[in-house]
Amino acid sequence: MRNCKTRTTSQLSPSDHTEGSDDTESDLWLRAPTKFDAAGIHTLISECPPLDLNSLYTYLLLSEHFCATSVVAGSADKLLGFISGYRRPEAADTLFVWQVAVHADARGRGLGQRMLRYLLDRPTLEGVRYIETTVGPENQASRGMFASLARRLNAPVHESPLFDRSLFGEHGHDDEPLLRIGPFRPAADQLKLAS
């Protein structure tokens, strides 16, 4: 059963918008994904190396089963961003962010940060006090985005080994260390502080 009652951008407060945004930025929408977004998400990920492209079926499942912990962003009818995540079953206070994709047309505008803040503001994620993700050592853009989020949340970042490249077999994949941000205050408090 889908539990994805979330706000759309028309309901976002001015503090949810990136500072210094122009008029085209105000046309940006953010919402929970649906199964009808899956093909567009698959295409978006394919255009965002070095992200691993999963099967279209994976994105159908993420959009249907993990919509409460995922977000899509776009302008008009163009998909510009996607974040997939889930609450760790053994740690309900932890949101694991699996993939963050921002289309080349929207990079450099803080869209990744905006989508993360949008997720944290959801009532269904009220108890989240930690964010975890894996980011390869070479992916400086993602590392910078998560470091910036940690600063906004006034929370520490801890890095530890998780998936060594040898675990990926002959696929030529880099190490995937774990980044853990937190603990941090509830999202509603953080958004008030950031305003």
N, C-alpha and C. Protein backbone atom coordinates (compact mmCIF):
# COMPACT_ATOMS: atom_id res chain seq x y z
N MET A 1 0.84 -1.18 0.00
CA MET A 1 0.00 0.00 0.00
C MET A 1 0.88 1.25 0.00
N ARG A 2 0.58 2.18 -0.85
CA ARG A 2 1.35 3.42 -0.94
C ARG A 2 0.96 4.36 0.20
N ASN A 3 1.97 4.89 0.86
CA ASN A 3 1.76 5.89 1.90
C ASN A 3 2.59 7.11 1.52
N CYS A 4 2.18 7.77 0.46
CA CYS A 4 3.01 8.83 -0.11
C CYS A 4 2.31 10.16 -0.20
N LYS A 5 1.50 10.47 0.78
CA LYS A 5 0.84 11.77 0.78
C LYS A 5 1.89 12.82 1.14
N THR A 6 2.35 13.54 0.14
CA THR A 6 3.39 14.55 0.35
C THR A 6 2.99 15.84 -0.32
N ARG A 7 3.66 16.90 0.07
CA ARG A 7 3.38 18.22 -0.50
C ARG A 7 3.98 18.34 -1.89
N THR A 8 3.36 19.16 -2.69
CA THR A 8 3.95 19.52 -3.98
C THR A 8 4.59 20.89 -3.80
N THR A 9 5.33 21.33 -4.81
CA THR A 9 6.00 22.62 -4.67
C THR A 9 5.06 23.77 -4.46
N SER A 10 3.86 23.68 -4.98
CA SER A 10 2.94 24.80 -4.78
C SER A 10 2.63 24.99 -3.30
N GLN A 11 2.87 23.96 -2.49
CA GLN A 11 2.63 24.05 -1.06
C GLN A 11 3.90 24.30 -0.27
N LEU A 12 5.05 24.38 -0.93
CA LEU A 12 6.30 24.61 -0.22
C LEU A 12 6.39 26.04 0.25
N SER A 13 7.01 26.22 1.39
CA SER A 13 7.21 27.57 1.90
C SER A 13 8.37 28.22 1.16
N PRO A 14 8.48 29.56 1.18
CA PRO A 14 9.59 30.23 0.51
C PRO A 14 10.95 29.73 0.98
N SER A 15 11.08 29.29 2.24
CA SER A 15 12.37 28.83 2.73
C SER A 15 12.79 27.52 2.08
N ASP A 16 11.86 26.81 1.43
CA ASP A 16 12.21 25.57 0.75
C ASP A 16 12.87 25.82 -0.60
N HIS A 17 12.81 27.04 -1.09
CA HIS A 17 13.39 27.36 -2.39
C HIS A 17 14.84 27.77 -2.23
N THR A 18 15.65 27.40 -3.21
CA THR A 18 17.07 27.73 -3.18
C THR A 18 17.24 29.24 -3.24
N GLU A 19 18.12 29.76 -2.38
CA GLU A 19 18.37 31.20 -2.39
C GLU A 19 18.94 31.60 -3.73
N GLY A 20 18.56 32.78 -4.17
CA GLY A 20 19.07 33.31 -5.43
C GLY A 20 18.48 32.64 -6.65
N SER A 21 17.39 31.92 -6.49
CA SER A 21 16.81 31.24 -7.64
C SER A 21 16.12 32.24 -8.55
N ASP A 22 16.11 31.92 -9.84
CA ASP A 22 15.44 32.80 -10.80
C ASP A 22 14.03 32.31 -11.03
N ASP A 23 13.32 32.95 -11.96
CA ASP A 23 11.92 32.61 -12.19
C ASP A 23 11.74 31.18 -12.66
N THR A 24 12.69 30.65 -13.45
CA THR A 24 12.54 29.27 -13.91
C THR A 24 12.64 28.30 -12.75
N GLU A 25 13.39 28.66 -11.71
CA GLU A 25 13.49 27.81 -10.53
C GLU A 25 12.15 27.70 -9.83
N SER A 26 11.32 28.76 -9.88
CA SER A 26 10.04 28.71 -9.19
C SER A 26 9.08 27.74 -9.87
N ASP A 27 9.38 27.33 -11.10
CA ASP A 27 8.56 26.34 -11.79
C ASP A 27 8.91 24.91 -11.39
N LEU A 28 9.94 24.75 -10.58
CA LEU A 28 10.39 23.43 -10.18
C LEU A 28 9.37 22.79 -9.25
N TRP A 29 9.08 21.52 -9.47
CA TRP A 29 8.20 20.77 -8.58
C TRP A 29 8.97 19.62 -7.96
N LEU A 30 8.54 19.24 -6.77
CA LEU A 30 9.09 18.11 -6.02
C LEU A 30 7.92 17.29 -5.51
N ARG A 31 8.03 15.96 -5.59
CA ARG A 31 6.95 15.10 -5.10
C ARG A 31 7.45 13.67 -4.97
N ALA A 32 6.63 12.84 -4.36
CA ALA A 32 6.93 11.41 -4.28
C ALA A 32 6.80 10.81 -5.68
N PRO A 33 7.66 9.85 -6.02
CA PRO A 33 7.54 9.22 -7.33
C PRO A 33 6.35 8.26 -7.39
N THR A 34 5.87 8.04 -8.59
CA THR A 34 4.84 7.03 -8.84
C THR A 34 5.40 6.05 -9.88
N LYS A 35 4.69 4.96 -10.08
CA LYS A 35 5.16 3.98 -11.06
C LYS A 35 5.25 4.58 -12.47
N PHE A 36 4.50 5.64 -12.71
CA PHE A 36 4.53 6.28 -14.02
C PHE A 36 5.81 7.09 -14.23
N ASP A 37 6.58 7.30 -13.17
CA ASP A 37 7.86 8.00 -13.27
C ASP A 37 9.02 7.05 -13.55
N ALA A 38 8.81 5.75 -13.38
CA ALA A 38 9.92 4.79 -13.41
C ALA A 38 10.74 4.84 -14.70
N ALA A 39 10.09 4.90 -15.85
CA ALA A 39 10.83 4.94 -17.12
C ALA A 39 11.67 6.22 -17.21
N GLY A 40 11.11 7.34 -16.78
CA GLY A 40 11.85 8.60 -16.78
C GLY A 40 13.02 8.57 -15.80
N ILE A 41 12.82 7.93 -14.65
CA ILE A 41 13.90 7.80 -13.68
C ILE A 41 15.03 6.95 -14.28
N HIS A 42 14.67 5.86 -14.93
CA HIS A 42 15.65 4.98 -15.57
C HIS A 42 16.47 5.76 -16.59
N THR A 43 15.80 6.56 -17.40
CA THR A 43 16.50 7.39 -18.39
C THR A 43 17.40 8.41 -17.71
N LEU A 44 16.89 9.08 -16.68
CA LEU A 44 17.68 10.07 -15.95
C LEU A 44 18.96 9.44 -15.39
N ILE A 45 18.84 8.30 -14.74
CA ILE A 45 20.01 7.64 -14.16
C ILE A 45 21.02 7.28 -15.25
N SER A 46 20.52 6.84 -16.40
CA SER A 46 21.42 6.48 -17.51
C SER A 46 22.22 7.68 -18.00
N GLU A 47 21.70 8.89 -17.77
CA GLU A 47 22.36 10.12 -18.20
C GLU A 47 23.19 10.76 -17.09
N CYS A 48 23.36 10.05 -15.97
CA CYS A 48 24.07 10.61 -14.81
C CYS A 48 25.21 9.70 -14.34
N PRO A 49 26.22 9.49 -15.21
CA PRO A 49 27.35 8.71 -14.72
C PRO A 49 28.05 9.48 -13.61
N PRO A 50 28.61 8.85 -12.63
CA PRO A 50 28.95 7.43 -12.53
C PRO A 50 27.90 6.59 -11.81
N LEU A 51 26.65 7.05 -11.73
CA LEU A 51 25.61 6.27 -11.05
C LEU A 51 25.42 4.92 -11.73
N ASP A 52 25.18 3.90 -10.91
CA ASP A 52 24.89 2.57 -11.44
C ASP A 52 23.46 2.55 -11.96
N LEU A 53 23.30 2.13 -13.21
CA LEU A 53 21.96 2.02 -13.80
C LEU A 53 21.38 0.67 -13.41
N ASN A 54 20.25 0.70 -12.73
CA ASN A 54 19.54 -0.52 -12.36
C ASN A 54 18.46 -0.79 -13.40
N SER A 55 17.82 -1.93 -13.29
CA SER A 55 16.77 -2.28 -14.24
C SER A 55 15.57 -1.35 -14.06
N LEU A 56 14.79 -1.23 -15.11
CA LEU A 56 13.57 -0.45 -15.04
C LEU A 56 12.65 -1.01 -13.96
N TYR A 57 12.65 -2.32 -13.80
CA TYR A 57 11.83 -2.96 -12.77
C TYR A 57 12.23 -2.45 -11.38
N THR A 58 13.52 -2.26 -11.15
CA THR A 58 13.98 -1.72 -9.86
C THR A 58 13.35 -0.36 -9.60
N TYR A 59 13.31 0.50 -10.62
CA TYR A 59 12.74 1.84 -10.44
C TYR A 59 11.22 1.78 -10.29
N LEU A 60 10.58 0.79 -10.90
CA LEU A 60 9.15 0.58 -10.66
C LEU A 60 8.91 0.23 -9.19
N LEU A 61 9.73 -0.68 -8.65
CA LEU A 61 9.58 -1.07 -7.25
C LEU A 61 9.88 0.09 -6.31
N LEU A 62 10.95 0.83 -6.59
CA LEU A 62 11.28 1.98 -5.74
C LEU A 62 10.14 2.99 -5.73
N SER A 63 9.56 3.24 -6.90
CA SER A 63 8.48 4.23 -7.01
C SER A 63 7.20 3.77 -6.33
N GLU A 64 7.00 2.47 -6.29
CA GLU A 64 5.78 1.93 -5.69
C GLU A 64 5.94 1.63 -4.20
N HIS A 65 7.03 0.96 -3.84
CA HIS A 65 7.21 0.50 -2.46
C HIS A 65 7.98 1.47 -1.57
N PHE A 66 8.79 2.34 -2.15
CA PHE A 66 9.62 3.24 -1.36
C PHE A 66 9.34 4.71 -1.69
N CYS A 67 8.12 5.00 -2.12
CA CYS A 67 7.77 6.37 -2.50
C CYS A 67 7.84 7.33 -1.31
N ALA A 68 7.60 6.84 -0.11
CA ALA A 68 7.62 7.71 1.08
C ALA A 68 9.03 8.14 1.44
N THR A 69 10.03 7.44 0.90
CA THR A 69 11.43 7.79 1.20
C THR A 69 12.21 8.13 -0.06
N SER A 70 11.48 8.45 -1.12
CA SER A 70 12.10 8.84 -2.39
C SER A 70 11.44 10.12 -2.89
N VAL A 71 12.08 10.78 -3.84
CA VAL A 71 11.54 12.03 -4.37
C VAL A 71 11.95 12.19 -5.83
N VAL A 72 11.07 12.78 -6.62
CA VAL A 72 11.41 13.21 -7.97
C VAL A 72 11.23 14.72 -8.04
N ALA A 73 12.00 15.33 -8.93
CA ALA A 73 11.92 16.78 -9.14
C ALA A 73 11.91 17.04 -10.63
N GLY A 74 11.23 18.10 -11.02
CA GLY A 74 11.20 18.43 -12.43
C GLY A 74 10.69 19.83 -12.67
N SER A 75 10.64 20.17 -13.93
CA SER A 75 10.12 21.46 -14.37
C SER A 75 9.26 21.17 -15.59
N ALA A 76 8.04 21.66 -15.57
CA ALA A 76 7.07 21.33 -16.62
C ALA A 76 6.96 19.81 -16.67
N ASP A 77 7.22 19.22 -17.85
CA ASP A 77 7.10 17.76 -17.95
C ASP A 77 8.46 17.07 -18.00
N LYS A 78 9.53 17.77 -17.61
CA LYS A 78 10.88 17.20 -17.67
C LYS A 78 11.36 16.78 -16.28
N LEU A 79 11.77 15.53 -16.16
CA LEU A 79 12.32 15.02 -14.91
C LEU A 79 13.77 15.49 -14.78
N LEU A 80 14.07 16.19 -13.69
CA LEU A 80 15.40 16.76 -13.48
C LEU A 80 16.16 16.14 -12.32
N GLY A 81 15.45 15.48 -11.41
CA GLY A 81 16.13 14.92 -10.25
C GLY A 81 15.39 13.75 -9.65
N PHE A 82 16.15 12.92 -8.93
CA PHE A 82 15.59 11.75 -8.27
C PHE A 82 16.47 11.36 -7.10
N ILE A 83 15.85 11.04 -5.99
CA ILE A 83 16.54 10.43 -4.86
C ILE A 83 15.75 9.21 -4.44
N SER A 84 16.47 8.09 -4.29
CA SER A 84 15.85 6.89 -3.73
C SER A 84 16.46 6.64 -2.37
N GLY A 85 15.63 6.19 -1.46
CA GLY A 85 16.11 5.90 -0.12
C GLY A 85 15.16 4.97 0.59
N TYR A 86 15.56 4.55 1.77
CA TYR A 86 14.70 3.71 2.60
C TYR A 86 15.14 3.83 4.05
N ARG A 87 14.20 3.57 4.94
CA ARG A 87 14.53 3.51 6.37
C ARG A 87 15.09 2.12 6.64
N ARG A 88 16.22 2.09 7.32
CA ARG A 88 16.84 0.80 7.62
C ARG A 88 15.96 0.02 8.58
N PRO A 89 15.60 -1.22 8.24
CA PRO A 89 14.69 -2.00 9.09
C PRO A 89 15.16 -2.13 10.54
N GLU A 90 16.47 -2.27 10.75
CA GLU A 90 16.98 -2.45 12.10
C GLU A 90 17.32 -1.13 12.78
N ALA A 91 17.12 -0.01 12.08
CA ALA A 91 17.44 1.31 12.64
C ALA A 91 16.45 2.32 12.07
N ALA A 92 15.26 2.39 12.65
CA ALA A 92 14.19 3.24 12.12
C ALA A 92 14.54 4.72 12.15
N ASP A 93 15.56 5.10 12.92
CA ASP A 93 15.96 6.51 12.97
C ASP A 93 16.96 6.87 11.88
N THR A 94 17.20 5.93 10.94
CA THR A 94 18.20 6.12 9.90
C THR A 94 17.58 6.02 8.51
N LEU A 95 17.79 7.06 7.71
CA LEU A 95 17.40 7.05 6.30
C LEU A 95 18.64 6.73 5.48
N PHE A 96 18.59 5.63 4.74
CA PHE A 96 19.69 5.31 3.83
C PHE A 96 19.34 5.89 2.46
N VAL A 97 20.19 6.76 1.95
CA VAL A 97 20.00 7.37 0.63
C VAL A 97 20.78 6.52 -0.37
N TRP A 98 20.05 5.90 -1.30
CA TRP A 98 20.66 4.96 -2.23
C TRP A 98 21.23 5.69 -3.44
N GLN A 99 20.41 6.42 -4.17
CA GLN A 99 20.88 7.13 -5.36
C GLN A 99 20.38 8.56 -5.34
N VAL A 100 21.25 9.47 -5.78
CA VAL A 100 20.90 10.87 -5.97
C VAL A 100 21.29 11.20 -7.40
N ALA A 101 20.31 11.59 -8.20
CA ALA A 101 20.57 11.95 -9.60
C ALA A 101 20.04 13.35 -9.87
N VAL A 102 20.88 14.16 -10.51
CA VAL A 102 20.47 15.49 -10.94
C VAL A 102 20.87 15.62 -12.41
N HIS A 103 19.90 15.93 -13.26
CA HIS A 103 20.14 16.09 -14.69
C HIS A 103 21.15 17.21 -14.93
N ALA A 104 21.95 17.07 -15.96
CA ALA A 104 22.98 18.07 -16.29
C ALA A 104 22.39 19.48 -16.40
N ASP A 105 21.16 19.59 -16.90
CA ASP A 105 20.51 20.91 -17.05
C ASP A 105 20.23 21.59 -15.72
N ALA A 106 20.23 20.82 -14.62
CA ALA A 106 19.87 21.38 -13.31
C ALA A 106 21.03 21.38 -12.32
N ARG A 107 22.21 20.98 -12.75
CA ARG A 107 23.34 20.92 -11.83
C ARG A 107 23.83 22.31 -11.46
N GLY A 108 24.39 22.40 -10.26
CA GLY A 108 24.95 23.67 -9.79
C GLY A 108 23.91 24.61 -9.21
N ARG A 109 22.69 24.14 -9.03
CA ARG A 109 21.61 24.99 -8.50
C ARG A 109 21.11 24.53 -7.13
N GLY A 110 21.77 23.55 -6.55
CA GLY A 110 21.36 23.08 -5.23
C GLY A 110 20.18 22.14 -5.24
N LEU A 111 19.88 21.53 -6.39
CA LEU A 111 18.70 20.65 -6.47
C LEU A 111 18.86 19.41 -5.59
N GLY A 112 20.04 18.83 -5.54
CA GLY A 112 20.25 17.67 -4.68
C GLY A 112 19.95 17.99 -3.22
N GLN A 113 20.47 19.13 -2.75
CA GLN A 113 20.20 19.60 -1.38
C GLN A 113 18.71 19.81 -1.16
N ARG A 114 18.09 20.41 -2.13
CA ARG A 114 16.66 20.72 -2.02
C ARG A 114 15.83 19.45 -1.89
N MET A 115 16.19 18.44 -2.69
CA MET A 115 15.46 17.18 -2.62
C MET A 115 15.68 16.50 -1.26
N LEU A 116 16.91 16.55 -0.75
CA LEU A 116 17.19 15.96 0.57
C LEU A 116 16.40 16.66 1.66
N ARG A 117 16.36 17.99 1.62
CA ARG A 117 15.60 18.75 2.63
C ARG A 117 14.11 18.43 2.51
N TYR A 118 13.63 18.30 1.28
CA TYR A 118 12.23 17.96 1.05
C TYR A 118 11.90 16.60 1.68
N LEU A 119 12.79 15.64 1.50
CA LEU A 119 12.59 14.32 2.11
C LEU A 119 12.54 14.42 3.63
N LEU A 120 13.51 15.13 4.21
CA LEU A 120 13.58 15.22 5.67
C LEU A 120 12.38 15.94 6.27
N ASP A 121 11.71 16.75 5.47
CA ASP A 121 10.55 17.51 5.95
C ASP A 121 9.27 16.67 5.95
N ARG A 122 9.31 15.49 5.40
CA ARG A 122 8.10 14.66 5.33
C ARG A 122 7.71 14.13 6.70
N PRO A 123 6.42 14.18 7.02
CA PRO A 123 5.95 13.63 8.30
C PRO A 123 6.31 12.15 8.48
N THR A 124 6.37 11.39 7.39
CA THR A 124 6.70 9.97 7.50
C THR A 124 8.15 9.73 7.92
N LEU A 125 8.99 10.77 7.83
CA LEU A 125 10.40 10.64 8.23
C LEU A 125 10.70 11.42 9.50
N GLU A 126 9.66 11.71 10.26
CA GLU A 126 9.77 12.53 11.46
C GLU A 126 10.81 12.02 12.46
N GLY A 127 10.95 10.72 12.62
CA GLY A 127 11.88 10.17 13.61
C GLY A 127 13.30 10.00 13.13
N VAL A 128 13.59 10.40 11.89
CA VAL A 128 14.93 10.22 11.35
C VAL A 128 15.91 11.19 12.00
N ARG A 129 17.02 10.65 12.51
CA ARG A 129 18.07 11.45 13.15
C ARG A 129 19.43 11.23 12.51
N TYR A 130 19.48 10.26 11.55
CA TYR A 130 20.72 9.94 10.86
C TYR A 130 20.42 9.74 9.37
N ILE A 131 21.37 10.12 8.54
CA ILE A 131 21.34 9.79 7.12
C ILE A 131 22.59 8.99 6.83
N GLU A 132 22.41 7.90 6.10
CA GLU A 132 23.55 7.11 5.65
C GLU A 132 23.51 7.03 4.13
N THR A 133 24.69 6.92 3.55
CA THR A 133 24.81 6.75 2.11
C THR A 133 26.19 6.18 1.83
N THR A 134 26.38 5.65 0.64
CA THR A 134 27.72 5.27 0.22
C THR A 134 28.11 6.17 -0.94
N VAL A 135 29.34 6.68 -0.87
CA VAL A 135 29.84 7.56 -1.93
C VAL A 135 31.30 7.20 -2.17
N GLY A 136 31.61 6.88 -3.41
CA GLY A 136 32.98 6.54 -3.77
C GLY A 136 33.92 7.72 -3.53
N PRO A 137 35.19 7.43 -3.28
CA PRO A 137 36.16 8.49 -2.98
C PRO A 137 36.32 9.51 -4.11
N GLU A 138 36.06 9.10 -5.35
CA GLU A 138 36.25 9.99 -6.50
C GLU A 138 35.05 10.90 -6.76
N ASN A 139 33.91 10.60 -6.17
CA ASN A 139 32.69 11.36 -6.45
C ASN A 139 32.62 12.60 -5.55
N GLN A 140 33.40 13.61 -5.93
CA GLN A 140 33.51 14.82 -5.12
C GLN A 140 32.21 15.63 -5.08
N ALA A 141 31.42 15.59 -6.14
CA ALA A 141 30.16 16.35 -6.15
C ALA A 141 29.21 15.81 -5.07
N SER A 142 29.05 14.49 -5.01
CA SER A 142 28.17 13.90 -4.00
C SER A 142 28.72 14.10 -2.59
N ARG A 143 30.03 13.95 -2.45
CA ARG A 143 30.64 14.16 -1.14
C ARG A 143 30.40 15.59 -0.67
N GLY A 144 30.54 16.53 -1.59
CA GLY A 144 30.31 17.94 -1.25
C GLY A 144 28.87 18.20 -0.86
N MET A 145 27.93 17.57 -1.57
CA MET A 145 26.51 17.76 -1.27
C MET A 145 26.18 17.24 0.13
N PHE A 146 26.69 16.06 0.47
CA PHE A 146 26.40 15.50 1.79
C PHE A 146 27.13 16.26 2.90
N ALA A 147 28.33 16.75 2.63
CA ALA A 147 29.05 17.57 3.62
C ALA A 147 28.28 18.86 3.87
N SER A 148 27.75 19.45 2.81
CA SER A 148 26.96 20.68 2.95
C SER A 148 25.68 20.42 3.75
N LEU A 149 25.03 19.28 3.48
CA LEU A 149 23.84 18.93 4.24
C LEU A 149 24.18 18.77 5.72
N ALA A 150 25.29 18.12 6.02
CA ALA A 150 25.70 17.93 7.42
C ALA A 150 25.91 19.27 8.10
N ARG A 151 26.52 20.22 7.39
CA ARG A 151 26.71 21.56 7.97
C ARG A 151 25.37 22.22 8.24
N ARG A 152 24.43 22.11 7.29
CA ARG A 152 23.10 22.70 7.48
C ARG A 152 22.38 22.09 8.68
N LEU A 153 22.61 20.79 8.89
CA LEU A 153 21.96 20.08 9.99
C LEU A 153 22.76 20.20 11.29
N ASN A 154 23.92 20.87 11.20
CA ASN A 154 24.81 21.00 12.36
C ASN A 154 25.11 19.62 12.96
N ALA A 155 25.45 18.69 12.06
CA ALA A 155 25.67 17.30 12.46
C ALA A 155 27.02 16.81 11.95
N PRO A 156 27.65 15.92 12.70
CA PRO A 156 28.92 15.37 12.25
C PRO A 156 28.74 14.36 11.12
N VAL A 157 29.82 14.14 10.36
CA VAL A 157 29.86 13.12 9.32
C VAL A 157 30.96 12.13 9.71
N HIS A 158 30.60 10.86 9.73
CA HIS A 158 31.57 9.81 10.01
C HIS A 158 31.69 8.93 8.77
N GLU A 159 32.91 8.60 8.39
CA GLU A 159 33.14 7.73 7.25
C GLU A 159 33.76 6.43 7.73
N SER A 160 33.26 5.31 7.21
CA SER A 160 33.81 4.01 7.57
C SER A 160 33.72 3.08 6.35
N PRO A 161 34.59 2.06 6.30
CA PRO A 161 34.52 1.12 5.18
C PRO A 161 33.19 0.37 5.19
N LEU A 162 32.66 0.08 4.02
CA LEU A 162 31.45 -0.74 3.92
C LEU A 162 31.61 -1.79 2.84
N PHE A 163 31.68 -1.35 1.58
CA PHE A 163 31.82 -2.30 0.47
C PHE A 163 33.15 -2.07 -0.23
N ASP A 164 34.06 -3.00 -0.06
CA ASP A 164 35.37 -2.96 -0.71
C ASP A 164 35.20 -3.33 -2.18
N ARG A 165 36.03 -2.76 -3.03
CA ARG A 165 35.92 -3.02 -4.48
C ARG A 165 35.96 -4.51 -4.81
N SER A 166 36.63 -5.32 -4.00
CA SER A 166 36.71 -6.76 -4.28
C SER A 166 35.33 -7.43 -4.22
N LEU A 167 34.40 -6.85 -3.47
CA LEU A 167 33.05 -7.42 -3.37
C LEU A 167 32.26 -7.29 -4.67
N PHE A 168 32.69 -6.39 -5.55
CA PHE A 168 31.98 -6.16 -6.80
C PHE A 168 32.47 -7.08 -7.92
N GLY A 169 33.39 -7.99 -7.60
CA GLY A 169 33.88 -8.93 -8.60
C GLY A 169 34.61 -8.22 -9.72
N GLU A 170 34.34 -8.65 -10.93
CA GLU A 170 35.05 -8.11 -12.10
C GLU A 170 34.33 -6.93 -12.73
N HIS A 171 33.43 -6.30 -12.01
CA HIS A 171 32.67 -5.19 -12.56
C HIS A 171 33.43 -3.87 -12.54
N GLY A 172 34.63 -3.86 -11.98
CA GLY A 172 35.45 -2.65 -12.00
C GLY A 172 34.88 -1.52 -11.18
N HIS A 173 34.20 -1.82 -10.09
CA HIS A 173 33.55 -0.82 -9.25
C HIS A 173 34.52 -0.33 -8.19
N ASP A 174 34.46 0.96 -7.86
CA ASP A 174 35.28 1.53 -6.78
C ASP A 174 34.76 1.09 -5.42
N ASP A 175 35.58 1.32 -4.39
CA ASP A 175 35.12 1.13 -3.01
C ASP A 175 33.89 1.99 -2.77
N GLU A 176 33.02 1.54 -1.90
CA GLU A 176 31.84 2.31 -1.50
C GLU A 176 31.86 2.46 0.02
N PRO A 177 32.59 3.47 0.54
CA PRO A 177 32.58 3.69 1.98
C PRO A 177 31.24 4.27 2.43
N LEU A 178 30.91 4.02 3.70
CA LEU A 178 29.67 4.51 4.28
C LEU A 178 29.90 5.90 4.88
N LEU A 179 29.03 6.84 4.53
CA LEU A 179 29.00 8.15 5.18
C LEU A 179 27.77 8.15 6.09
N ARG A 180 27.97 8.52 7.34
CA ARG A 180 26.86 8.59 8.31
C ARG A 180 26.81 10.00 8.88
N ILE A 181 25.69 10.67 8.65
CA ILE A 181 25.47 12.03 9.12
C ILE A 181 24.52 11.97 10.31
N GLY A 182 24.93 12.58 11.42
CA GLY A 182 24.03 12.62 12.57
C GLY A 182 24.76 12.32 13.86
N PRO A 183 24.01 12.44 14.94
CA PRO A 183 22.57 12.73 15.02
C PRO A 183 22.28 14.20 14.74
N PHE A 184 21.06 14.45 14.28
CA PHE A 184 20.61 15.82 14.06
C PHE A 184 19.21 15.99 14.62
N ARG A 185 18.83 17.23 14.78
CA ARG A 185 17.49 17.56 15.31
C ARG A 185 16.43 17.18 14.30
N PRO A 186 15.18 17.11 14.76
CA PRO A 186 14.08 16.84 13.82
C PRO A 186 14.09 17.83 12.66
N ALA A 187 13.65 17.36 11.51
CA ALA A 187 13.69 18.18 10.29
C ALA A 187 12.96 19.50 10.46
N ALA A 188 11.82 19.52 11.10
CA ALA A 188 11.06 20.77 11.26
C ALA A 188 11.90 21.80 12.01
N ASP A 189 12.62 21.39 13.04
CA ASP A 189 13.49 22.31 13.77
C ASP A 189 14.63 22.80 12.90
N GLN A 190 15.20 21.91 12.10
CA GLN A 190 16.33 22.29 11.25
C GLN A 190 15.90 23.30 10.19
N LEU A 191 14.73 23.09 9.60
CA LEU A 191 14.27 24.01 8.57
C LEU A 191 14.02 25.39 9.16
N LYS A 192 13.54 25.45 10.40
CA LYS A 192 13.34 26.74 11.06
C LYS A 192 14.68 27.44 11.27
N LEU A 193 15.70 26.66 11.66
CA LEU A 193 17.03 27.23 11.89
C LEU A 193 17.65 27.74 10.60
N ALA A 194 17.39 27.02 9.49
CA ALA A 194 18.00 27.38 8.21
C ALA A 194 17.32 28.58 7.56
N SER A 195 16.13 28.94 8.02
CA SER A 195 15.38 30.05 7.41
C SER A 195 16.01 31.38 7.73
